[in-house]
């Protein structure tokens, strides 16, 4: 592998790790805003999360579940039909306690 290819791989790996950190941070922040009923701030964070999710990110064991909880809470915030959502209540309880 030549030097340019190695730099490209390293850059992509670095971006994936940084995006995972960003997702963890902004998911935590969105949950905090939701708990404190700061719904406008929660919506603003949703826009940031959508942008980060469009980029590559390093997966973790709980990342998909965290994203599902965030999507669930976003739908609550937006007043959508919640009966259509199938999410494990244990996951919500666990993630909110973290």
PDB file of N, CA and C in Angstrom:
ATOM      1  N   UNK A   1       0.858  -1.172   0.000  1.00  0.00           N
ATOM      2  CA  UNK A   1       0.000   0.000   0.000  1.00  0.00           C
ATOM      3  C   UNK A   1       0.905   1.237   0.000  1.00  0.00           C
ATOM      4  N   UNK A   2       0.614   2.164  -0.905  1.00  0.00           N
ATOM      5  CA  UNK A   2       1.453   3.362  -0.957  1.00  0.00           C
ATOM      6  C   UNK A   2       1.062   4.361   0.130  1.00  0.00           C
ATOM      7  N   UNK A   3       1.860   5.396   0.280  1.00  0.00           N
ATOM      8  CA  UNK A   3       1.691   6.369   1.363  1.00  0.00           C
ATOM      9  C   UNK A   3       0.341   7.092   1.284  1.00  0.00           C
ATOM     10  N   UNK A   4      -0.090   7.459   0.076  1.00  0.00           N
ATOM     11  CA  UNK A   4      -1.364   8.172  -0.079  1.00  0.00           C
ATOM     12  C   UNK A   4      -2.534   7.289   0.337  1.00  0.00           C
ATOM     13  N   UNK A   5      -2.478   6.015  -0.014  1.00  0.00           N
ATOM     14  CA  UNK A   5      -3.549   5.091   0.362  1.00  0.00           C
ATOM     15  C   UNK A   5      -3.597   4.900   1.873  1.00  0.00           C
ATOM     16  N   UNK A   6      -2.414   4.791   2.511  1.00  0.00           N
ATOM     17  CA  UNK A   6      -2.361   4.652   3.971  1.00  0.00           C
ATOM     18  C   UNK A   6      -2.946   5.882   4.663  1.00  0.00           C
ATOM     19  N   UNK A   7      -2.611   7.063   4.138  1.00  0.00           N
ATOM     20  CA  UNK A   7      -3.143   8.297   4.724  1.00  0.00           C
ATOM     21  C   UNK A   7      -4.657   8.349   4.591  1.00  0.00           C
ATOM     22  N   UNK A   8      -5.177   7.889   3.454  1.00  0.00           N
ATOM     23  CA  UNK A   8      -6.621   7.876   3.231  1.00  0.00           C
ATOM     24  C   UNK A   8      -7.313   6.927   4.202  1.00  0.00           C
ATOM     25  N   UNK A   9      -6.737   5.747   4.409  1.00  0.00           N
ATOM     26  CA  UNK A   9      -7.294   4.774   5.353  1.00  0.00           C
ATOM     27  C   UNK A   9      -7.247   5.333   6.767  1.00  0.00           C
ATOM     28  N   UNK A  10      -6.113   5.909   7.151  1.00  0.00           N
ATOM     29  CA  UNK A  10      -5.985   6.499   8.489  1.00  0.00           C
ATOM     30  C   UNK A  10      -6.973   7.635   8.690  1.00  0.00           C
ATOM     31  N   UNK A  11      -7.171   8.440   7.658  1.00  0.00           N
ATOM     32  CA  UNK A  11      -8.110   9.557   7.745  1.00  0.00           C
ATOM     33  C   UNK A  11      -9.535   9.045   7.948  1.00  0.00           C
ATOM     34  N   UNK A  12      -9.909   8.003   7.217  1.00  0.00           N
ATOM     35  CA  UNK A  12     -11.248   7.428   7.355  1.00  0.00           C
ATOM     36  C   UNK A  12     -11.434   6.796   8.731  1.00  0.00           C
ATOM     37  N   UNK A  13     -10.409   6.099   9.225  1.00  0.00           N
ATOM     38  CA  UNK A  13     -10.491   5.504  10.561  1.00  0.00           C
ATOM     39  C   UNK A  13     -10.612   6.584  11.629  1.00  0.00           C
ATOM     40  N   UNK A  14      -9.847   7.642  11.475  1.00  0.00           N
ATOM     41  CA  UNK A  14      -9.904   8.749  12.433  1.00  0.00           C
ATOM     42  C   UNK A  14     -11.279   9.391  12.412  1.00  0.00           C
ATOM     43  N   UNK A  15     -11.811   9.643  11.230  1.00  0.00           N
ATOM     44  CA  UNK A  15     -13.145  10.241  11.119  1.00  0.00           C
ATOM     45  C   UNK A  15     -14.197   9.351  11.772  1.00  0.00           C
ATOM     46  N   UNK A  16     -14.096   8.045  11.578  1.00  0.00           N
ATOM     47  CA  UNK A  16     -15.060   7.116  12.170  1.00  0.00           C
ATOM     48  C   UNK A  16     -15.033   7.173  13.693  1.00  0.00           C
ATOM     49  N   UNK A  17     -13.840   7.239  14.258  1.00  0.00           N
ATOM     50  CA  UNK A  17     -13.707   7.305  15.720  1.00  0.00           C
ATOM     51  C   UNK A  17     -14.248   8.633  16.244  1.00  0.00           C
ATOM     52  N   UNK A  18     -13.860   9.725  15.598  1.00  0.00           N
ATOM     53  CA  UNK A  18     -14.328  11.043  16.038  1.00  0.00           C
ATOM     54  C   UNK A  18     -15.847  11.136  15.918  1.00  0.00           C
ATOM     55  N   UNK A  19     -16.410  10.613  14.848  1.00  0.00           N
ATOM     56  CA  UNK A  19     -17.865  10.647  14.684  1.00  0.00           C
ATOM     57  C   UNK A  19     -18.569   9.808  15.748  1.00  0.00           C
ATOM     58  N   UNK A  20     -17.959   8.709  16.163  1.00  0.00           N
ATOM     59  CA  UNK A  20     -18.537   7.926  17.269  1.00  0.00           C
ATOM     60  C   UNK A  20     -18.552   8.759  18.540  1.00  0.00           C
ATOM     61  N   UNK A  21     -17.457   9.462  18.798  1.00  0.00           N
ATOM     62  CA  UNK A  21     -17.402  10.330  19.982  1.00  0.00           C
ATOM     63  C   UNK A  21     -18.481  11.402  19.899  1.00  0.00           C
ATOM     64  N   UNK A  22     -18.610  12.007  18.712  1.00  0.00           N
ATOM     65  CA  UNK A  22     -19.632  13.045  18.526  1.00  0.00           C
ATOM     66  C   UNK A  22     -21.032  12.484  18.761  1.00  0.00           C
ATOM     67  N   UNK A  23     -21.290  11.300  18.222  1.00  0.00           N
ATOM     68  CA  UNK A  23     -22.604  10.684  18.429  1.00  0.00           C
ATOM     69  C   UNK A  23     -22.864  10.435  19.902  1.00  0.00           C
ATOM     70  N   UNK A  24     -21.888   9.871  20.596  1.00  0.00           N
ATOM     71  CA  UNK A  24     -22.064   9.631  22.033  1.00  0.00           C
ATOM     72  C   UNK A  24     -22.357  10.930  22.776  1.00  0.00           C
ATOM     73  N   UNK A  25     -21.589  11.956  22.482  1.00  0.00           N
ATOM     74  CA  UNK A  25     -21.765  13.238  23.176  1.00  0.00           C
ATOM     75  C   UNK A  25     -23.131  13.856  22.865  1.00  0.00           C
ATOM     76  N   UNK A  26     -23.470  13.948  21.584  1.00  0.00           N
ATOM     77  CA  UNK A  26     -24.719  14.609  21.218  1.00  0.00           C
ATOM     78  C   UNK A  26     -25.949  13.780  21.590  1.00  0.00           C
ATOM     79  N   UNK A  27     -25.834  12.457  21.600  1.00  0.00           N
ATOM     80  CA  UNK A  27     -26.947  11.638  22.093  1.00  0.00           C
ATOM     81  C   UNK A  27     -27.162  11.883  23.578  1.00  0.00           C
ATOM     82  N   UNK A  28     -26.076  11.958  24.332  1.00  0.00           N
ATOM     83  CA  UNK A  28     -26.180  12.272  25.754  1.00  0.00           C
ATOM     84  C   UNK A  28     -26.812  13.649  25.948  1.00  0.00           C
ATOM     85  N   UNK A  29     -26.345  14.629  25.185  1.00  0.00           N
ATOM     86  CA  UNK A  29     -26.863  15.989  25.293  1.00  0.00           C
ATOM     87  C   UNK A  29     -28.350  16.048  24.928  1.00  0.00           C
ATOM     88  N   UNK A  30     -28.740  15.338  23.882  1.00  0.00           N
ATOM     89  CA  UNK A  30     -30.154  15.309  23.482  1.00  0.00           C
ATOM     90  C   UNK A  30     -31.016  14.721  24.594  1.00  0.00           C
ATOM     91  N   UNK A  31     -30.538  13.655  25.238  1.00  0.00           N
ATOM     92  CA  UNK A  31     -31.290  13.070  26.357  1.00  0.00           C
ATOM     93  C   UNK A  31     -31.407  14.049  27.516  1.00  0.00           C
ATOM     94  N   UNK A  32     -30.345  14.767  27.797  1.00  0.00           N
ATOM     95  CA  UNK A  32     -30.383  15.766  28.872  1.00  0.00           C
ATOM     96  C   UNK A  32     -31.390  16.867  28.558  1.00  0.00           C
ATOM     97  N   UNK A  33     -31.368  17.373  27.337  1.00  0.00           N
ATOM     98  CA  UNK A  33     -32.326  18.410  26.951  1.00  0.00           C
ATOM     99  C   UNK A  33     -33.752  17.884  27.033  1.00  0.00           C
ATOM    100  N   UNK A  34     -33.951  16.636  26.612  1.00  0.00           N
ATOM    101  CA  UNK A  34     -35.294  16.053  26.664  1.00  0.00           C
ATOM    102  C   UNK A  34     -35.763  15.929  28.111  1.00  0.00           C
ATOM    103  N   UNK A  35     -34.894  15.435  28.987  1.00  0.00           N
ATOM    104  CA  UNK A  35     -35.239  15.305  30.413  1.00  0.00           C
ATOM    105  C   UNK A  35     -35.601  16.647  31.035  1.00  0.00           C
ATOM    106  N   UNK A  36     -34.873  17.685  30.640  1.00  0.00           N
ATOM    107  CA  UNK A  36     -35.090  19.020  31.210  1.00  0.00           C
ATOM    108  C   UNK A  36     -36.186  19.790  30.467  1.00  0.00           C
ATOM    109  N   UNK A  37     -36.848  19.099  29.532  1.00  0.00           N
ATOM    110  CA  UNK A  37     -37.933  19.679  28.737  1.00  0.00           C
ATOM    111  C   UNK A  37     -37.476  20.901  27.945  1.00  0.00           C
ATOM    112  N   UNK A  38     -36.242  20.875  27.500  1.00  0.00           N
ATOM    113  CA  UNK A  38     -35.693  21.916  26.632  1.00  0.00           C
ATOM    114  C   UNK A  38     -35.829  21.420  25.187  1.00  0.00           C
ATOM    115  N   UNK A  39     -37.061  21.440  24.702  1.00  0.00           N
ATOM    116  CA  UNK A  39     -37.374  20.776  23.449  1.00  0.00           C
ATOM    117  C   UNK A  39     -36.780  21.474  22.223  1.00  0.00           C
ATOM    118  N   UNK A  40     -36.653  22.791  22.247  1.00  0.00           N
ATOM    119  CA  UNK A  40     -36.029  23.481  21.113  1.00  0.00           C
ATOM    120  C   UNK A  40     -34.560  23.083  20.994  1.00  0.00           C
ATOM    121  N   UNK A  41     -33.880  23.003  22.132  1.00  0.00           N
ATOM    122  CA  UNK A  41     -32.479  22.573  22.125  1.00  0.00           C
ATOM    123  C   UNK A  41     -32.368  21.127  21.655  1.00  0.00           C
ATOM    124  N   UNK A  42     -33.311  20.308  22.060  1.00  0.00           N
ATOM    125  CA  UNK A  42     -33.333  18.900  21.646  1.00  0.00           C
ATOM    126  C   UNK A  42     -33.469  18.806  20.122  1.00  0.00           C
ATOM    127  N   UNK A  43     -34.331  19.629  19.553  1.00  0.00           N
ATOM    128  CA  UNK A  43     -34.504  19.637  18.094  1.00  0.00           C
ATOM    129  C   UNK A  43     -33.233  20.095  17.382  1.00  0.00           C
ATOM    130  N   UNK A  44     -32.562  21.082  17.947  1.00  0.00           N
ATOM    131  CA  UNK A  44     -31.314  21.562  17.346  1.00  0.00           C
ATOM    132  C   UNK A  44     -30.260  20.457  17.346  1.00  0.00           C
ATOM    133  N   UNK A  45     -30.195  19.702  18.432  1.00  0.00           N
ATOM    134  CA  UNK A  45     -29.247  18.586  18.513  1.00  0.00           C
ATOM    135  C   UNK A  45     -29.614  17.510  17.493  1.00  0.00           C
ATOM    136  N   UNK A  46     -30.898  17.326  17.258  1.00  0.00           N
ATOM    137  CA  UNK A  46     -31.350  16.350  16.269  1.00  0.00           C
ATOM    138  C   UNK A  46     -30.759  16.667  14.902  1.00  0.00           C
ATOM    139  N   UNK A  47     -30.722  17.934  14.534  1.00  0.00           N
ATOM    140  CA  UNK A  47     -30.128  18.326  13.253  1.00  0.00           C
ATOM    141  C   UNK A  47     -28.643  17.982  13.203  1.00  0.00           C
ATOM    142  N   UNK A  48     -27.938  18.189  14.298  1.00  0.00           N
ATOM    143  CA  UNK A  48     -26.511  17.850  14.362  1.00  0.00           C
ATOM    144  C   UNK A  48     -26.337  16.337  14.229  1.00  0.00           C
ATOM    145  N   UNK A  49     -27.151  15.581  14.967  1.00  0.00           N
ATOM    146  CA  UNK A  49     -27.047  14.119  14.919  1.00  0.00           C
ATOM    147  C   UNK A  49     -27.318  13.589  13.517  1.00  0.00           C
ATOM    148  N   UNK A  50     -28.306  14.151  12.834  1.00  0.00           N
ATOM    149  CA  UNK A  50     -28.586  13.725  11.460  1.00  0.00           C
ATOM    150  C   UNK A  50     -27.361  13.920  10.568  1.00  0.00           C
ATOM    151  N   UNK A  51     -26.670  15.027  10.755  1.00  0.00           N
ATOM    152  CA  UNK A  51     -25.474  15.305   9.948  1.00  0.00           C
ATOM    153  C   UNK A  51     -24.351  14.321  10.257  1.00  0.00           C
ATOM    154  N   UNK A  52     -24.137  14.033  11.525  1.00  0.00           N
ATOM    155  CA  UNK A  52     -23.071  13.101  11.905  1.00  0.00           C
ATOM    156  C   UNK A  52     -23.410  11.687  11.430  1.00  0.00           C
ATOM    157  N   UNK A  53     -24.681  11.302  11.516  1.00  0.00           N
ATOM    158  CA  UNK A  53     -25.080   9.958  11.086  1.00  0.00           C
ATOM    159  C   UNK A  53     -24.915   9.750   9.580  1.00  0.00           C
ATOM    160  N   UNK A  54     -24.856  10.835   8.830  1.00  0.00           N
ATOM    161  CA  UNK A  54     -24.658  10.729   7.386  1.00  0.00           C
ATOM    162  C   UNK A  54     -23.206  10.396   7.032  1.00  0.00           C
ATOM    163  N   UNK A  55     -22.316  10.486   7.998  1.00  0.00           N
ATOM    164  CA  UNK A  55     -20.898  10.199   7.819  1.00  0.00           C
ATOM    165  C   UNK A  55     -20.569   8.832   8.435  1.00  0.00           C
ATOM    166  N   UNK A  56     -19.425   8.253   8.079  1.00  0.00           N
ATOM    167  CA  UNK A  56     -19.049   6.974   8.699  1.00  0.00           C
ATOM    168  C   UNK A  56     -18.740   7.156  10.183  1.00  0.00           C
ATOM    169  N   UNK A  57     -19.177   6.192  10.982  1.00  0.00           N
ATOM    170  CA  UNK A  57     -18.856   6.216  12.411  1.00  0.00           C
ATOM    171  C   UNK A  57     -18.549   4.806  12.879  1.00  0.00           C
ATOM    172  N   UNK A  58     -17.703   4.724  13.893  1.00  0.00           N
ATOM    173  CA  UNK A  58     -17.282   3.441  14.439  1.00  0.00           C
ATOM    174  C   UNK A  58     -18.432   2.859  15.260  1.00  0.00           C
ATOM    175  N   UNK A  59     -18.911   1.674  14.902  1.00  0.00           N
ATOM    176  CA  UNK A  59     -20.020   1.084  15.667  1.00  0.00           C
ATOM    177  C   UNK A  59     -19.551   0.559  17.025  1.00  0.00           C
ATOM    178  N   UNK A  60     -20.452   0.598  17.986  1.00  0.00           N
ATOM    179  CA  UNK A  60     -20.206  -0.002  19.295  1.00  0.00           C
ATOM    180  C   UNK A  60     -21.384  -0.913  19.607  1.00  0.00           C
ATOM    181  N   UNK A  61     -21.270  -1.649  20.694  1.00  0.00           N
ATOM    182  CA  UNK A  61     -22.332  -2.586  21.061  1.00  0.00           C
ATOM    183  C   UNK A  61     -23.678  -1.899  21.260  1.00  0.00           C
ATOM    184  N   UNK A  62     -23.676  -0.716  21.851  1.00  0.00           N
ATOM    185  CA  UNK A  62     -24.929  -0.035  22.185  1.00  0.00           C
ATOM    186  C   UNK A  62     -25.305   1.093  21.230  1.00  0.00           C
ATOM    187  N   UNK A  63     -24.480   1.388  20.238  1.00  0.00           N
ATOM    188  CA  UNK A  63     -24.739   2.558  19.397  1.00  0.00           C
ATOM    189  C   UNK A  63     -26.094   2.478  18.699  1.00  0.00           C
ATOM    190  N   UNK A  64     -26.433   1.349  18.102  1.00  0.00           N
ATOM    191  CA  UNK A  64     -27.714   1.269  17.390  1.00  0.00           C
ATOM    192  C   UNK A  64     -28.888   1.429  18.358  1.00  0.00           C
ATOM    193  N   UNK A  65     -28.744   0.906  19.571  1.00  0.00           N
ATOM    194  CA  UNK A  65     -29.813   1.059  20.561  1.00  0.00           C
ATOM    195  C   UNK A  65     -29.929   2.508  21.023  1.00  0.00           C
ATOM    196  N   UNK A  66     -28.810   3.175  21.199  1.00  0.00           N
ATOM    197  CA  UNK A  66     -28.837   4.593  21.575  1.00  0.00           C
ATOM    198  C   UNK A  66     -29.536   5.411  20.493  1.00  0.00           C
ATOM    199  N   UNK A  67     -29.219   5.110  19.243  1.00  0.00           N
ATOM    200  CA  UNK A  67     -29.834   5.832  18.128  1.00  0.00           C
ATOM    201  C   UNK A  67     -31.335   5.563  18.092  1.00  0.00           C
ATOM    202  N   UNK A  68     -31.754   4.322  18.342  1.00  0.00           N
ATOM    203  CA  UNK A  68     -33.182   4.002  18.372  1.00  0.00           C
ATOM    204  C   UNK A  68     -33.901   4.756  19.481  1.00  0.00           C
ATOM    205  N   UNK A  69     -33.290   4.861  20.642  1.00  0.00           N
ATOM    206  CA  UNK A  69     -33.893   5.612  21.750  1.00  0.00           C
ATOM    207  C   UNK A  69     -34.026   7.075  21.357  1.00  0.00           C
ATOM    208  N   UNK A  70     -32.974   7.630  20.778  1.00  0.00           N
ATOM    209  CA  UNK A  70     -33.022   9.026  20.339  1.00  0.00           C
ATOM    210  C   UNK A  70     -34.137   9.230  19.313  1.00  0.00           C
ATOM    211  N   UNK A  71     -34.271   8.310  18.342  1.00  0.00           N
ATOM    212  CA  UNK A  71     -35.329   8.416  17.343  1.00  0.00           C
ATOM    213  C   UNK A  71     -36.707   8.325  17.996  1.00  0.00           C
ATOM    214  N   UNK A  72     -36.836   7.452  18.971  1.00  0.00           N
ATOM    215  CA  UNK A  72     -38.088   7.308  19.712  1.00  0.00           C
ATOM    216  C   UNK A  72     -38.434   8.617  20.425  1.00  0.00           C
ATOM    217  N   UNK A  73     -37.469   9.189  21.138  1.00  0.00           N
ATOM    218  CA  UNK A  73     -37.708  10.440  21.860  1.00  0.00           C
ATOM    219  C   UNK A  73     -37.970  11.595  20.896  1.00  0.00           C
ATOM    220  N   UNK A  74     -37.330  11.584  19.750  1.00  0.00           N
ATOM    221  CA  UNK A  74     -37.584  12.615  18.742  1.00  0.00           C
ATOM    222  C   UNK A  74     -39.023  12.548  18.261  1.00  0.00           C
ATOM    223  N   UNK A  75     -39.509  11.332  18.082  1.00  0.00           N
ATOM    224  CA  UNK A  75     -40.900  11.172  17.646  1.00  0.00           C
ATOM    225  C   UNK A  75     -41.863  11.623  18.732  1.00  0.00           C
ATOM    226  N   UNK A  76     -41.530  11.362  19.988  1.00  0.00           N
ATOM    227  CA  UNK A  76     -42.360  11.859  21.088  1.00  0.00           C
ATOM    228  C   UNK A  76     -42.376  13.383  21.042  1.00  0.00           C
ATOM    229  N   UNK A  77     -41.214  13.961  20.906  1.00  0.00           N
ATOM    230  CA  UNK A  77     -41.092  15.418  20.874  1.00  0.00           C
ATOM    231  C   UNK A  77     -41.881  16.019  19.713  1.00  0.00           C
ATOM    232  N   UNK A  78     -41.886  15.338  18.588  1.00  0.00           N
ATOM    233  CA  UNK A  78     -42.584  15.833  17.408  1.00  0.00           C
ATOM    234  C   UNK A  78     -44.066  15.467  17.421  1.00  0.00           C
ATOM    235  N   UNK A  79     -44.495  14.660  18.401  1.00  0.00           N
ATOM    236  CA  UNK A  79     -45.907  14.310  18.529  1.00  0.00           C
ATOM    237  C   UNK A  79     -46.402  13.311  17.506  1.00  0.00           C
ATOM    238  N   UNK A  80     -45.527  12.463  16.999  1.00  0.00           N
ATOM    239  CA  UNK A  80     -45.934  11.480  16.004  1.00  0.00           C
ATOM    240  C   UNK A  80     -46.653  10.311  16.667  1.00  0.00           C
ATOM    241  N   UNK A  81     -47.236   9.454  15.843  1.00  0.00           N
ATOM    242  CA  UNK A  81     -47.967   8.290  16.337  1.00  0.00           C
ATOM    243  C   UNK A  81     -46.988   7.287  16.921  1.00  0.00           C
ATOM    244  N   UNK A  82     -47.039   7.139  18.219  1.00  0.00           N
ATOM    245  CA  UNK A  82     -46.064   6.289  18.891  1.00  0.00           C
ATOM    246  C   UNK A  82     -46.454   4.823  18.881  1.00  0.00           C
ATOM    247  N   UNK A  83     -47.686   4.515  18.561  1.00  0.00           N
ATOM    248  CA  UNK A  83     -48.119   3.130  18.515  1.00  0.00           C
ATOM    249  C   UNK A  83     -47.422   2.336  17.428  1.00  0.00           C
ATOM    250  N   UNK A  84     -46.832   3.018  16.477  1.00  0.00           N
ATOM    251  CA  UNK A  84     -46.160   2.344  15.369  1.00  0.00           C
ATOM    252  C   UNK A  84     -44.733   1.934  15.712  1.00  0.00           C
ATOM    253  N   UNK A  85     -44.246   2.345  16.880  1.00  0.00           N
ATOM    254  CA  UNK A  85     -42.857   2.082  17.250  1.00  0.00           C
ATOM    255  C   UNK A  85     -42.777   0.827  18.103  1.00  0.00           C
ATOM    256  N   UNK A  86     -41.854  -0.061  17.765  1.00  0.00           N
ATOM    257  CA  UNK A  86     -41.627  -1.265  18.548  1.00  0.00           C
ATOM    258  C   UNK A  86     -40.213  -1.179  19.111  1.00  0.00           C
ATOM    259  N   UNK A  87     -40.108  -0.807  20.388  1.00  0.00           N
ATOM    260  CA  UNK A  87     -38.790  -0.678  21.013  1.00  0.00           C
ATOM    261  C   UNK A  87     -38.847  -1.331  22.386  1.00  0.00           C
ATOM    262  N   UNK A  88     -37.797  -1.981  22.755  1.00  0.00           N
ATOM    263  CA  UNK A  88     -37.727  -2.702  24.019  1.00  0.00           C
ATOM    264  C   UNK A  88     -37.646  -1.709  25.183  1.00  0.00           C
ATOM    265  N   UNK A  89     -38.603  -1.717  26.118  1.00  0.00           N
ATOM    266  CA  UNK A  89     -38.571  -0.782  27.250  1.00  0.00           C
ATOM    267  C   UNK A  89     -37.324  -0.947  28.122  1.00  0.00           C
ATOM    268  N   UNK A  90     -36.763  -2.144  28.171  1.00  0.00           N
ATOM    269  CA  UNK A  90     -35.538  -2.365  28.939  1.00  0.00           C
ATOM    270  C   UNK A  90     -34.403  -1.494  28.414  1.00  0.00           C
ATOM    271  N   UNK A  91     -34.316  -1.384  27.096  1.00  0.00           N
ATOM    272  CA  UNK A  91     -33.258  -0.586  26.482  1.00  0.00           C
ATOM    273  C   UNK A  91     -33.396   0.869  26.909  1.00  0.00           C
ATOM    274  N   UNK A  92     -34.602   1.399  26.867  1.00  0.00           N
ATOM    275  CA  UNK A  92     -34.824   2.796  27.255  1.00  0.00           C
ATOM    276  C   UNK A  92     -34.433   2.997  28.708  1.00  0.00           C
ATOM    277  N   UNK A  93     -34.895   2.117  29.591  1.00  0.00           N
ATOM    278  CA  UNK A  93     -34.580   2.239  31.009  1.00  0.00           C
ATOM    279  C   UNK A  93     -33.077   2.186  31.229  1.00  0.00           C
ATOM    280  N   UNK A  94     -32.418   1.251  30.575  1.00  0.00           N
ATOM    281  CA  UNK A  94     -30.972   1.094  30.727  1.00  0.00           C
ATOM    282  C   UNK A  94     -30.225   2.330  30.234  1.00  0.00           C
ATOM    283  N   UNK A  95     -30.568   2.822  29.050  1.00  0.00           N
ATOM    284  CA  UNK A  95     -29.844   3.953  28.482  1.00  0.00           C
ATOM    285  C   UNK A  95     -30.108   5.240  29.246  1.00  0.00           C
ATOM    286  N   UNK A  96     -31.305   5.410  29.762  1.00  0.00           N
ATOM    287  CA  UNK A  96     -31.600   6.618  30.519  1.00  0.00           C
ATOM    288  C   UNK A  96     -30.901   6.606  31.870  1.00  0.00           C
ATOM    289  N   UNK A  97     -30.569   5.417  32.365  1.00  0.00           N
ATOM    290  CA  UNK A  97     -29.890   5.340  33.656  1.00  0.00           C
ATOM    291  C   UNK A  97     -28.381   5.539  33.532  1.00  0.00           C
ATOM    292  N   UNK A  98     -27.856   5.480  32.316  1.00  0.00           N
ATOM    293  CA  UNK A  98     -26.409   5.608  32.093  1.00  0.00           C
ATOM    294  C   UNK A  98     -25.955   7.031  32.260  1.00  0.00           C
TER     295      UNK A  98
END
